[in-house]
Amino acid sequence: SPSPSGTTLAYPSLAFALNAEYACSHGYDLLYYRMVGPSCSHATQGERHGSYCKLPAIAHALGRGYDAVAFIDSDSYFRIDVPRFRNMSVPQLVAEYSPPLTATAPRGSPSAWFACDLPQLGDRPNGGFHVWRAGEMAKALLAHWWHAPAGRFATEHDFEQHVLQWQLHHLAAAIPALA
């Protein structure tokens, strides 16, 4: 039987390669933040699961002068094998997958947009893919998310996703910064 040839990439490496190809084809910079340990440390709340480390990474990327920053988890990738998705820019993807405006939806341009887990988990935001517009509101949202008391979710599943879904998402009706 034939044996495979070439190198087999681990899933995160393959996801990175696919995302790099997507970014290059659209003229985007791709920043890759690599963790130096398994967790992050909050100054007053102590150790946090590594998934929280995305928050200071996003803040750092926004601080580099970008107008917008799209965050994608290391286990996620853009579907470059499907021409429809490969050819869509990040703004087009956001427009395609944003829910329609309702009477209670925030108006104006949000500072942060989150993918959601429709139809499986409803319209709750997903921490694995989000887009941030540079500005004071984005800084404030990131700071709130980082500093919000995490309780047991600092180190237990569903980690930063819990704070996102049960604190920030429920504030969206009052704060017109999230979409």
Protein backbone atom coordinates (compact mmCIF):
# COMPACT_ATOMS: atom_id res chain seq x y z
CA SER A 1 0.00 0.00 0.00
CA PRO A 2 1.23 3.50 -0.70
CA SER A 3 2.69 5.41 2.21
CA PRO A 4 1.99 9.10 2.74
CA SER A 5 4.77 11.45 1.82
CA GLY A 6 5.55 14.91 3.03
CA THR A 7 4.97 16.48 6.38
CA THR A 8 1.77 16.09 8.37
CA LEU A 9 0.90 19.29 10.20
CA ALA A 10 -0.64 19.34 13.65
CA TYR A 11 -4.11 20.89 13.64
CA PRO A 12 -3.06 24.31 15.05
CA SER A 13 -0.21 24.50 12.50
CA LEU A 14 -2.57 23.66 9.67
CA ALA A 15 -5.09 26.24 10.92
CA PHE A 16 -2.30 28.83 11.05
CA ALA A 17 -1.22 27.99 7.49
CA LEU A 18 -4.80 28.32 6.21
CA ASN A 19 -5.28 31.61 8.06
CA ALA A 20 -1.95 32.91 6.76
CA GLU A 21 -3.03 32.11 3.21
CA TYR A 22 -6.36 33.89 3.79
CA ALA A 23 -4.64 36.93 5.35
CA CYS A 24 -2.10 37.20 2.54
CA SER A 25 -4.76 36.93 -0.15
CA HIS A 26 -6.63 39.88 1.41
CA GLY A 27 -3.60 42.02 2.24
CA TYR A 28 -4.02 41.62 6.01
CA ASP A 29 -1.23 41.40 8.55
CA LEU A 30 -1.30 38.18 10.55
CA LEU A 31 0.00 38.49 14.08
CA TYR A 32 0.66 35.26 15.91
CA TYR A 33 0.85 35.50 19.67
CA ARG A 34 2.47 32.48 21.26
CA MET A 35 1.99 31.74 24.93
CA VAL A 36 5.08 31.21 27.03
CA GLY A 37 3.20 29.22 29.68
CA PRO A 38 -0.07 27.39 30.16
CA SER A 39 -1.88 30.29 31.83
CA CYS A 40 -2.07 34.05 32.40
CA SER A 41 -1.92 35.92 35.64
CA HIS A 42 -4.28 38.73 36.63
CA ALA A 43 -2.73 41.25 39.03
CA THR A 44 -5.47 40.90 41.66
CA GLN A 45 -7.37 37.74 40.68
CA GLY A 46 -4.44 35.40 40.20
CA GLU A 47 -4.04 32.58 37.71
CA ARG A 48 -6.35 32.35 34.72
CA HIS A 49 -6.73 29.71 32.06
CA GLY A 50 -4.71 30.34 28.89
CA SER A 51 -7.83 31.26 26.94
CA TYR A 52 -7.91 34.57 28.85
CA CYS A 53 -4.52 35.50 27.34
CA LYS A 54 -6.27 36.53 24.12
CA LEU A 55 -7.55 39.68 25.86
CA PRO A 56 -4.19 41.38 26.46
CA ALA A 57 -3.06 40.11 23.02
CA ILE A 58 -6.00 41.86 21.33
CA ALA A 59 -5.32 45.02 23.34
CA HIS A 60 -1.67 44.87 22.29
CA ALA A 61 -2.59 44.43 18.61
CA LEU A 62 -5.00 47.37 18.77
CA GLY A 63 -2.21 49.41 20.40
CA ARG A 64 -0.04 48.84 17.33
CA GLY A 65 -2.18 51.27 15.36
CA TYR A 66 -4.53 48.98 13.44
CA ASP A 67 -8.00 50.36 12.70
CA ALA A 68 -9.46 46.94 13.35
CA VAL A 69 -8.27 43.61 14.73
CA ALA A 70 -9.86 40.24 14.05
CA PHE A 71 -9.13 37.56 16.62
CA ILE A 72 -9.31 33.90 15.66
CA ASP A 73 -8.57 31.01 18.01
CA SER A 74 -5.62 28.82 17.08
CA ASP A 75 -7.97 25.90 16.43
CA SER A 76 -10.13 27.87 13.98
CA TYR A 77 -9.56 28.69 10.35
CA PHE A 78 -11.03 30.45 7.34
CA ARG A 79 -12.61 28.08 4.82
CA ILE A 80 -10.32 28.84 1.90
CA ASP A 81 -11.45 25.61 0.22
CA VAL A 82 -14.86 27.17 -0.43
CA PRO A 83 -14.53 29.99 -2.98
CA ARG A 84 -17.42 31.93 -1.46
CA PHE A 85 -15.62 32.19 1.87
CA ARG A 86 -12.09 32.46 0.48
CA ASN A 87 -13.08 35.57 -1.47
CA MET A 88 -14.93 37.32 1.38
CA SER A 89 -13.05 39.98 3.31
CA VAL A 90 -13.47 40.18 7.08
CA PRO A 91 -15.94 43.11 6.76
CA GLN A 92 -17.95 41.06 4.25
CA LEU A 93 -17.97 38.07 6.61
CA VAL A 94 -19.18 40.27 9.46
CA ALA A 95 -21.93 41.73 7.27
CA GLU A 96 -22.94 38.26 6.07
CA TYR A 97 -23.23 36.78 9.53
CA SER A 98 -24.49 39.74 11.56
CA PRO A 99 -28.03 39.41 12.80
CA PRO A 100 -30.57 41.82 11.32
CA LEU A 101 -31.15 45.00 13.30
CA THR A 102 -34.18 44.92 15.54
CA ALA A 103 -35.89 47.62 17.55
CA THR A 104 -33.78 46.67 20.59
CA ALA A 105 -30.46 46.23 18.76
CA PRO A 106 -27.69 48.76 19.39
CA ARG A 107 -27.40 51.46 16.72
CA GLY A 108 -24.27 52.83 15.15
CA SER A 109 -21.00 51.03 14.57
CA PRO A 110 -20.18 48.52 17.27
CA SER A 111 -16.70 48.39 18.76
CA ALA A 112 -16.74 44.61 18.87
CA TRP A 113 -18.46 41.94 16.81
CA PHE A 114 -18.60 38.29 17.89
CA ALA A 115 -19.45 35.21 15.91
CA CYS A 116 -22.17 33.15 17.52
CA ASP A 117 -23.01 29.48 17.76
CA LEU A 118 -26.26 29.45 15.79
CA PRO A 119 -28.19 27.25 15.55
CA GLN A 120 -26.71 24.87 18.13
CA LEU A 121 -26.29 27.22 21.09
CA GLY A 122 -28.43 30.20 20.16
CA ASP A 123 -27.21 33.72 19.58
CA ARG A 124 -24.69 33.79 22.41
CA PRO A 125 -21.34 35.27 21.38
CA ASN A 126 -18.44 32.93 20.73
CA GLY A 127 -15.00 33.77 22.10
CA GLY A 128 -13.24 32.02 19.21
CA PHE A 129 -13.76 34.67 16.52
CA HIS A 130 -14.33 38.37 17.05
CA VAL A 131 -13.52 41.66 15.35
CA TRP A 132 -12.58 44.84 17.23
CA ARG A 133 -12.63 48.43 15.96
CA ALA A 134 -9.91 50.60 17.48
CA GLY A 135 -11.13 53.23 19.93
CA GLU A 136 -11.84 54.00 23.54
CA MET A 137 -14.94 51.80 23.69
CA ALA A 138 -12.97 48.76 22.49
CA LYS A 139 -10.34 49.45 25.16
CA ALA A 140 -13.05 49.75 27.80
CA LEU A 141 -14.75 46.51 26.73
CA LEU A 142 -11.47 44.59 26.73
CA ALA A 143 -10.57 46.01 30.14
CA HIS A 144 -13.98 45.11 31.55
CA TRP A 145 -13.73 41.58 30.15
CA TRP A 146 -10.22 41.15 31.57
CA HIS A 147 -11.00 42.63 34.99
CA ALA A 148 -14.48 41.15 35.49
CA PRO A 149 -14.54 38.74 38.41
CA ALA A 150 -14.24 35.29 36.91
CA GLY A 151 -14.77 33.22 40.03
CA ARG A 152 -14.32 29.52 39.34
CA PHE A 153 -14.32 30.25 35.60
CA ALA A 154 -10.84 31.70 35.93
CA THR A 155 -9.58 28.13 35.71
CA GLU A 156 -12.66 26.02 34.87
CA HIS A 157 -14.57 25.57 31.62
CA ASP A 158 -16.06 27.68 30.03
CA PHE A 159 -13.37 30.17 31.09
CA GLU A 160 -13.47 33.65 29.47
CA GLN A 161 -16.45 32.52 27.40
CA HIS A 162 -18.55 32.53 30.59
CA VAL A 163 -17.71 36.15 31.33
CA LEU A 164 -18.35 37.06 27.69
CA GLN A 165 -21.73 35.35 27.57
CA TRP A 166 -23.08 36.08 31.03
CA GLN A 167 -21.68 39.53 31.72
CA LEU A 168 -20.69 41.35 28.54
CA HIS A 169 -23.42 39.94 26.29
CA HIS A 170 -26.13 40.88 28.77
CA LEU A 171 -24.75 44.42 28.84
CA ALA A 172 -25.13 44.76 25.07
CA ALA A 173 -28.67 46.13 25.35
CA ALA A 174 -27.41 48.89 27.63
CA ILE A 175 -24.07 49.58 25.96
CA PRO A 176 -24.24 50.09 22.18
CA ALA A 177 -20.74 48.78 21.57
CA LEU A 178 -21.32 45.07 20.95
CA ALA A 179 -22.88 43.41 17.96
